[in-house]
Amino acid sequence: MTNGRSTWALFKRNKFAVAGLAFILLSVIIALLGYLIMPDHTPQANNMVIQLSLKKPGATFQLLRIRKTEPVDTVNFIEKMLFGQPDFYNNTPITSYSYNNGTVRVNEYLGDEDKPEARLYKVNTNTAGYWEVTEKTYLLGTDVYGRDMLSRLMLGTRISLAVGLISVIISLLLGVSIGAVAGYFGGKTDIALSWVMNILWSLPALLLVIAISFALGKGLWQIFIAVGLSMWVEVARLVRGQVMAVKQQEYIEAARSLGYSNTRIITKHILPNITGPILVIASSNFAAAILLESGLSFLGFGAQPPTPTWGSMIKEHYGYIVMDSAYLAIIPGLAIMLTVYAFNLVTVGLRDAFDIKSQSVRV
């Protein structure tokens, strides 16, 4: 096989694969930074302003922000990045306001078809930052609960990539181990493991994941495990075939004659020579895992509300497709499509770079 530099050179020749990799890297940056770059920093991006439900992308509103009476803890940088910062203020949309002697008079926004309602708020003028009026633009609009769509979409990126990563790791650990054992030892071991793989292979992936989810219960970590357990068969079948081909090579016979253990032969001499096909199937499974998680969330088996996932965002708003708010379902649908397409482009690029049919096996 080619070395790392030549493999990367072959990969870079495919401009579409490079573009897909760039999109994935951008998605990873968004997922890692999370709440630090989201307009809504609250946990789960769940700051509801019901009066602002179903607002179009680009809508701008004035918000009267009055500090909450109950104490709100200030989290550190890492906690904010990972889990968010609870809002210190209560938010009220307004159309206009005036201040006079410790009292804020506002016209509270109730809806496009309703007249603003005049209200008075007593404010503590002696406390800095007790109240403020800000202007907020919702770049992707708001959902049915008045939550910022852009923030929830960005947080959904973290969920989808996390599900894909953990699921692929689980599938690789199981698939590579079982496939290597079946392909290397053959005989009854291969027959038994191949029988298990064929049984699971015959089951639809979504139904298998749903069955595992029923056994494990609803939740995010359960989805990680369920999707991973449903995808290892593809890896195992690929590894089994590759190991059966590589173990016939002369250098493997030489390793046996030198008295190397089976474990060393598999881990040091066989698996390094089939890294290319494993990376290709891992990239493909990453895309499949995102699709599976989105389907499960749409059916209600994925991460539970208020955790935002792309599938659950479509579920909450698919009824608005026939109305003038179709973007509520189209935007997360496009996010799923573009992410899966990016991984598919990378898969094609890796397949071309690791074209094992035209390369010699590395000793």
Protein backbone atom coordinates (compact mmCIF):
# COMPACT_ATOMS: atom_id res chain seq x y z
CA MET A 1 0.00 0.00 0.00
CA THR A 2 1.06 3.59 -0.43
CA ASN A 3 2.41 5.59 2.44
CA GLY A 4 0.58 8.42 4.16
CA ARG A 5 1.89 11.20 1.92
CA SER A 6 1.01 9.51 -1.34
CA THR A 7 -2.40 8.52 0.01
CA TRP A 8 -3.13 12.16 0.92
CA ALA A 9 -1.87 13.24 -2.51
CA LEU A 10 -4.30 10.82 -4.17
CA PHE A 11 -7.10 12.04 -1.91
CA LYS A 12 -6.42 15.70 -2.76
CA ARG A 13 -6.85 14.99 -6.46
CA ASN A 14 -10.55 14.51 -5.81
CA LYS A 15 -11.74 18.11 -5.36
CA PHE A 16 -15.21 17.01 -4.30
CA ALA A 17 -13.75 14.85 -1.54
CA VAL A 18 -11.65 17.79 -0.30
CA ALA A 19 -14.77 19.98 -0.30
CA GLY A 20 -16.62 17.32 1.67
CA LEU A 21 -13.77 17.11 4.17
CA ALA A 22 -13.78 20.91 4.54
CA PHE A 23 -17.52 20.87 5.26
CA ILE A 24 -17.02 18.13 7.86
CA LEU A 25 -14.20 20.07 9.54
CA LEU A 26 -16.41 23.17 9.69
CA SER A 27 -19.18 21.08 11.25
CA VAL A 28 -16.72 19.70 13.81
CA ILE A 29 -15.61 23.23 14.77
CA ILE A 30 -19.24 24.27 15.24
CA ALA A 31 -19.91 21.14 17.32
CA LEU A 32 -16.84 21.68 19.52
CA LEU A 33 -17.40 25.38 20.18
CA GLY A 34 -21.09 24.79 20.70
CA TYR A 35 -22.67 27.31 23.04
CA LEU A 36 -19.77 29.74 22.70
CA ILE A 37 -20.82 30.71 19.16
CA MET A 38 -24.57 30.11 19.37
CA PRO A 39 -26.93 33.10 19.61
CA ASP A 40 -28.82 31.28 22.39
CA HIS A 41 -26.36 30.22 25.11
CA THR A 42 -28.96 28.57 27.36
CA PRO A 43 -28.80 24.79 27.95
CA GLN A 44 -30.27 22.86 25.00
CA ALA A 45 -30.89 26.23 23.26
CA ASN A 46 -34.28 26.05 24.93
CA ASN A 47 -34.94 29.74 25.67
CA MET A 48 -38.63 30.07 24.74
CA VAL A 49 -40.32 33.35 23.87
CA ILE A 50 -43.79 32.15 22.92
CA GLN A 51 -44.84 35.50 21.47
CA LEU A 52 -42.12 35.11 18.84
CA SER A 53 -43.15 31.67 17.58
CA LEU A 54 -42.91 30.91 13.85
CA LYS A 55 -41.07 34.09 12.89
CA LYS A 56 -39.45 34.25 9.46
CA PRO A 57 -35.67 34.12 8.95
CA GLY A 58 -34.11 37.53 9.45
CA ALA A 59 -36.87 38.80 11.76
CA THR A 60 -35.65 41.44 14.25
CA PHE A 61 -37.31 42.27 17.57
CA GLN A 62 -36.67 44.45 20.60
CA LEU A 63 -36.42 42.55 23.87
CA LEU A 64 -36.86 43.96 27.36
CA ARG A 65 -34.50 41.97 29.56
CA ILE A 66 -35.09 42.11 33.32
CA ARG A 67 -32.77 40.20 35.60
CA LYS A 68 -34.34 37.18 37.28
CA THR A 69 -35.05 37.41 41.01
CA GLU A 70 -33.83 33.86 41.65
CA PRO A 71 -30.04 33.37 41.65
CA VAL A 72 -28.43 32.00 38.50
CA ASP A 73 -24.99 30.43 38.75
CA THR A 74 -22.24 31.65 36.47
CA VAL A 75 -20.48 28.68 34.88
CA ASN A 76 -16.85 28.59 33.79
CA PHE A 77 -15.58 28.62 30.21
CA ILE A 78 -15.49 24.84 29.73
CA GLU A 79 -18.92 24.28 31.28
CA LYS A 80 -20.41 27.00 29.10
CA MET A 81 -18.87 25.48 25.98
CA LEU A 82 -20.20 22.01 26.82
CA PHE A 83 -23.47 22.62 28.63
CA GLY A 84 -24.41 26.27 28.14
CA GLN A 85 -25.08 29.17 30.49
CA PRO A 86 -28.57 29.66 31.98
CA ASP A 87 -29.98 33.07 31.10
CA PHE A 88 -29.76 35.72 33.80
CA TYR A 89 -32.71 37.62 32.37
CA ASN A 90 -36.39 37.20 31.56
CA ASN A 91 -37.05 38.26 27.98
CA THR A 92 -40.15 40.13 26.85
CA PRO A 93 -40.60 41.24 23.21
CA ILE A 94 -41.67 44.87 22.90
CA THR A 95 -42.42 47.40 20.18
CA SER A 96 -41.45 50.51 22.15
CA TYR A 97 -40.51 51.60 25.65
CA SER A 98 -39.92 54.62 27.86
CA TYR A 99 -38.25 55.02 31.24
CA ASN A 100 -39.28 57.37 34.02
CA ASN A 101 -38.24 57.39 37.67
CA GLY A 102 -37.60 53.65 38.16
CA THR A 103 -40.48 52.53 35.95
CA VAL A 104 -40.24 51.15 32.42
CA ARG A 105 -43.36 51.58 30.32
CA VAL A 106 -43.44 49.21 27.35
CA ASN A 107 -45.77 48.17 24.58
CA GLU A 108 -45.47 44.40 24.76
CA TYR A 109 -45.52 42.55 21.46
CA LEU A 110 -48.23 39.85 21.40
CA GLY A 111 -48.33 38.90 17.74
CA ASP A 112 -48.55 40.27 14.24
CA GLU A 113 -52.34 40.35 14.34
CA ASP A 114 -52.69 41.63 17.92
CA LYS A 115 -52.25 45.14 19.23
CA PRO A 116 -49.33 45.69 21.60
CA GLU A 117 -50.29 45.65 25.25
CA ALA A 118 -49.12 48.50 27.49
CA ARG A 119 -47.38 47.31 30.65
CA LEU A 120 -45.34 48.82 33.49
CA TYR A 121 -42.25 47.27 35.05
CA LYS A 122 -40.64 48.46 38.26
CA VAL A 123 -36.88 48.26 37.86
CA ASN A 124 -34.07 48.51 40.35
CA THR A 125 -32.06 51.50 39.23
CA ASN A 126 -29.42 50.93 41.91
CA THR A 127 -28.34 47.57 40.51
CA ALA A 128 -26.09 47.61 37.45
CA GLY A 129 -27.29 45.33 34.69
CA TYR A 130 -30.69 44.84 36.33
CA TRP A 131 -32.54 45.64 33.10
CA GLU A 132 -31.74 46.42 29.50
CA VAL A 133 -33.37 46.68 26.10
CA THR A 134 -31.65 44.86 23.27
CA GLU A 135 -32.36 44.14 19.63
CA LYS A 136 -32.10 40.55 18.44
CA THR A 137 -32.16 39.21 14.89
CA TYR A 138 -33.22 35.60 14.30
CA LEU A 139 -31.18 34.69 11.23
CA LEU A 140 -33.05 31.41 10.64
CA GLY A 141 -36.27 32.46 12.32
CA THR A 142 -37.90 30.82 15.32
CA ASP A 143 -39.65 27.51 15.83
CA VAL A 144 -43.16 26.84 17.08
CA TYR A 145 -42.06 27.52 20.67
CA GLY A 146 -40.27 30.78 19.90
CA ARG A 147 -36.77 29.27 20.14
CA ASP A 148 -33.89 30.40 17.95
CA MET A 149 -33.66 28.00 15.00
CA LEU A 150 -30.00 28.76 14.25
CA SER A 151 -28.93 27.87 17.79
CA ARG A 152 -30.86 24.60 17.78
CA LEU A 153 -29.53 23.71 14.35
CA MET A 154 -25.95 24.31 15.49
CA LEU A 155 -26.48 22.25 18.64
CA GLY A 156 -28.02 19.51 16.51
CA THR A 157 -24.69 19.34 14.66
CA ARG A 158 -23.03 18.27 17.91
CA ILE A 159 -25.64 15.55 18.50
CA SER A 160 -25.41 14.14 14.97
CA LEU A 161 -21.61 14.08 14.88
CA ALA A 162 -21.43 12.60 18.38
CA VAL A 163 -23.84 9.82 17.44
CA GLY A 164 -21.85 9.14 14.28
CA LEU A 165 -18.50 9.11 16.08
CA ILE A 166 -19.51 6.90 19.02
CA SER A 167 -21.49 4.55 16.78
CA VAL A 168 -18.58 4.15 14.36
CA ILE A 169 -16.16 3.47 17.24
CA ILE A 170 -18.48 0.78 18.64
CA SER A 171 -19.01 -0.77 15.21
CA LEU A 172 -15.26 -0.79 14.50
CA LEU A 173 -14.37 -2.37 17.84
CA LEU A 174 -16.90 -5.16 17.36
CA GLY A 175 -16.64 -5.52 13.60
CA VAL A 176 -12.86 -5.55 13.33
CA SER A 177 -12.49 -7.97 16.25
CA ILE A 178 -15.16 -10.43 15.12
CA GLY A 179 -14.28 -10.17 11.43
CA ALA A 180 -10.56 -10.69 12.08
CA VAL A 181 -11.20 -13.75 14.26
CA ALA A 182 -13.61 -15.27 11.73
CA GLY A 183 -11.34 -14.64 8.74
CA TYR A 184 -8.09 -15.68 10.40
CA PHE A 185 -9.12 -18.88 12.17
CA GLY A 186 -11.74 -20.11 9.69
CA GLY A 187 -13.34 -23.51 10.22
CA LYS A 188 -16.11 -23.81 12.80
CA THR A 189 -15.28 -20.41 14.25
CA ASP A 190 -15.86 -18.79 10.88
CA ILE A 191 -19.06 -20.78 10.30
CA ALA A 192 -20.54 -19.78 13.67
CA LEU A 193 -19.63 -16.10 13.42
CA SER A 194 -20.69 -15.89 9.78
CA TRP A 195 -24.06 -17.39 10.72
CA VAL A 196 -24.57 -14.65 13.31
CA MET A 197 -23.50 -11.97 10.81
CA ASN A 198 -25.86 -13.29 8.13
CA ILE A 199 -28.81 -13.33 10.53
CA LEU A 200 -28.21 -9.73 11.58
CA TRP A 201 -27.44 -8.71 8.00
CA SER A 202 -30.91 -9.87 6.91
CA LEU A 203 -32.65 -7.51 9.36
CA PRO A 204 -33.46 -3.93 8.27
CA ALA A 205 -31.10 -1.57 10.07
CA LEU A 206 -33.83 0.79 11.30
CA LEU A 207 -35.94 -2.03 12.73
CA LEU A 208 -32.89 -3.50 14.44
CA VAL A 209 -32.02 -0.15 16.00
CA ILE A 210 -35.61 0.32 17.17
CA ALA A 211 -35.57 -3.14 18.75
CA ILE A 212 -32.30 -2.40 20.56
CA SER A 213 -33.69 0.98 21.65
CA PHE A 214 -36.72 -0.73 23.15
CA ALA A 215 -34.40 -2.98 25.14
CA LEU A 216 -32.11 -0.17 26.30
CA GLY A 217 -34.71 2.58 26.74
CA LYS A 218 -35.01 6.07 25.29
CA GLY A 219 -32.08 8.44 25.58
CA LEU A 220 -29.01 9.81 23.84
CA TRP A 221 -26.48 7.26 25.11
CA GLN A 222 -28.88 4.45 24.30
CA ILE A 223 -28.94 5.69 20.71
CA PHE A 224 -25.14 5.66 20.58
CA ILE A 225 -25.12 2.02 21.61
CA ALA A 226 -28.11 0.96 19.50
CA VAL A 227 -26.77 2.46 16.26
CA GLY A 228 -23.28 1.08 16.92
CA LEU A 229 -24.60 -2.42 17.59
CA SER A 230 -26.58 -2.33 14.36
CA MET A 231 -23.63 -1.38 12.14
CA TRP A 232 -20.82 -3.72 13.15
CA VAL A 233 -21.92 -6.48 10.75
CA GLU A 234 -20.87 -4.51 7.66
CA VAL A 235 -17.45 -3.92 9.18
CA ALA A 236 -17.11 -7.56 10.22
CA ARG A 237 -17.98 -8.88 6.76
CA LEU A 238 -15.47 -6.56 5.12
CA VAL A 239 -12.69 -7.35 7.59
CA ARG A 240 -13.37 -11.09 7.34
CA GLY A 241 -12.92 -11.05 3.58
CA GLN A 242 -9.81 -8.87 3.72
CA VAL A 243 -8.19 -11.03 6.43
CA MET A 244 -8.90 -14.22 4.46
CA ALA A 245 -7.09 -12.71 1.48
CA VAL A 246 -4.13 -11.25 3.38
CA LYS A 247 -3.45 -14.31 5.55
CA GLN A 248 -2.47 -16.24 2.40
CA GLN A 249 0.48 -13.94 1.79
CA GLU A 250 3.98 -15.30 2.18
CA TYR A 251 4.99 -12.85 4.87
CA ILE A 252 2.17 -14.14 7.09
CA GLU A 253 3.51 -17.68 6.66
CA ALA A 254 6.96 -16.36 7.55
CA ALA A 255 5.55 -14.74 10.70
CA ARG A 256 3.98 -18.08 11.72
CA SER A 257 7.25 -19.93 11.12
CA LEU A 258 9.03 -17.45 13.39
CA GLY A 259 6.67 -18.43 16.19
CA TYR A 260 4.70 -15.18 16.43
CA SER A 261 1.41 -15.48 18.28
CA ASN A 262 -1.88 -15.26 16.42
CA THR A 263 -2.70 -12.03 18.25
CA ARG A 264 0.53 -10.41 17.09
CA ILE A 265 0.08 -11.60 13.52
CA ILE A 266 -3.45 -10.19 13.39
CA THR A 267 -2.70 -6.85 15.06
CA LYS A 268 0.81 -6.19 13.74
CA HIS A 269 0.84 -7.75 10.30
CA ILE A 270 -2.72 -8.15 8.98
CA LEU A 271 -4.80 -5.26 10.27
CA PRO A 272 -2.28 -2.54 9.27
CA ASN A 273 -2.55 -3.79 5.68
CA ILE A 274 -6.31 -3.46 5.55
CA THR A 275 -6.52 0.01 7.10
CA GLY A 276 -7.70 1.55 3.83
CA PRO A 277 -10.87 -0.53 3.42
CA ILE A 278 -11.64 -0.08 7.13
CA LEU A 279 -11.41 3.71 6.82
CA VAL A 280 -13.68 3.63 3.79
CA ILE A 281 -16.37 1.60 5.56
CA ALA A 282 -16.00 3.78 8.68
CA SER A 283 -16.66 6.93 6.66
CA SER A 284 -19.65 5.31 4.98
CA ASN A 285 -21.02 4.13 8.33
CA PHE A 286 -20.63 7.63 9.75
CA ALA A 287 -23.11 8.90 7.16
CA ALA A 288 -25.41 5.94 7.77
CA ALA A 289 -25.33 6.55 11.54
CA ILE A 290 -26.43 10.17 11.07
CA LEU A 291 -29.33 9.03 8.89
CA LEU A 292 -30.31 6.35 11.42
CA GLU A 293 -30.22 8.79 14.32
CA SER A 294 -32.31 11.29 12.38
CA GLY A 295 -34.86 8.61 11.55
CA LEU A 296 -35.03 7.47 15.16
CA SER A 297 -35.45 11.04 16.41
CA PHE A 298 -38.22 11.60 13.88
CA LEU A 299 -39.99 8.49 15.17
CA GLY A 300 -39.50 9.54 18.79
CA PHE A 301 -36.85 6.98 19.77
CA GLY A 302 -33.87 9.32 19.74
CA ALA A 303 -32.73 12.02 22.13
CA GLN A 304 -35.72 13.28 24.08
CA PRO A 305 -36.94 16.91 24.18
CA PRO A 306 -35.76 19.53 24.75
CA THR A 307 -32.48 18.17 23.34
CA PRO A 308 -32.38 19.46 19.74
CA THR A 309 -31.65 16.95 17.00
CA TRP A 310 -32.19 17.41 13.30
CA GLY A 311 -34.66 14.54 13.16
CA SER A 312 -36.73 15.86 16.06
CA MET A 313 -36.74 19.36 14.52
CA ILE A 314 -38.28 17.87 11.37
CA LYS A 315 -40.78 15.92 13.46
CA GLU A 316 -41.92 19.06 15.31
CA HIS A 317 -42.43 21.06 12.13
CA TYR A 318 -43.12 18.73 9.21
CA GLY A 319 -46.78 19.77 9.32
CA TYR A 320 -45.74 23.29 8.31
CA ILE A 321 -44.36 22.10 4.95
CA VAL A 322 -47.74 22.75 3.31
CA MET A 323 -47.92 26.19 4.96
CA ASP A 324 -45.77 29.28 4.57
CA SER A 325 -43.30 28.03 7.19
CA ALA A 326 -41.84 25.09 5.28
CA TYR A 327 -38.32 26.29 6.12
CA LEU A 328 -38.78 24.94 9.67
CA ALA A 329 -38.53 21.38 8.32
CA ILE A 330 -36.46 22.12 5.20
CA ILE A 331 -33.52 23.68 7.08
CA PRO A 332 -32.73 20.66 9.32
CA GLY A 333 -33.44 18.41 6.32
CA LEU A 334 -30.81 20.27 4.32
CA ALA A 335 -28.39 19.96 7.24
CA ILE A 336 -28.85 16.18 7.22
CA MET A 337 -28.52 15.99 3.44
CA LEU A 338 -25.37 18.13 3.23
CA THR A 339 -23.63 16.33 6.10
CA VAL A 340 -24.39 12.87 4.73
CA TYR A 341 -23.37 14.00 1.25
CA ALA A 342 -20.08 15.36 2.62
CA PHE A 343 -19.27 12.02 4.25
CA ASN A 344 -20.18 10.20 1.04
CA LEU A 345 -17.78 12.44 -0.90
CA VAL A 346 -15.03 11.67 1.60
CA THR A 347 -15.86 7.97 1.29
CA VAL A 348 -15.39 8.11 -2.48
CA GLY A 349 -12.13 10.01 -2.03
CA LEU A 350 -10.81 7.45 0.44
CA ARG A 351 -11.87 4.60 -1.82
CA ASP A 352 -9.90 6.10 -4.69
CA ALA A 353 -6.88 6.87 -2.48
CA PHE A 354 -6.83 3.35 -1.00
CA ASP A 355 -7.34 1.53 -4.28
CA ILE A 356 -5.96 -1.77 -2.95
CA LYS A 357 -6.63 -3.58 -6.23
CA SER A 358 -3.83 -1.60 -7.93
CA GLN A 359 -1.42 -1.53 -5.03
CA SER A 360 0.88 -4.09 -3.52
CA VAL A 361 0.38 -5.19 0.07
CA ARG A 362 2.75 -3.48 2.47
CA VAL A 363 5.03 -5.90 4.34
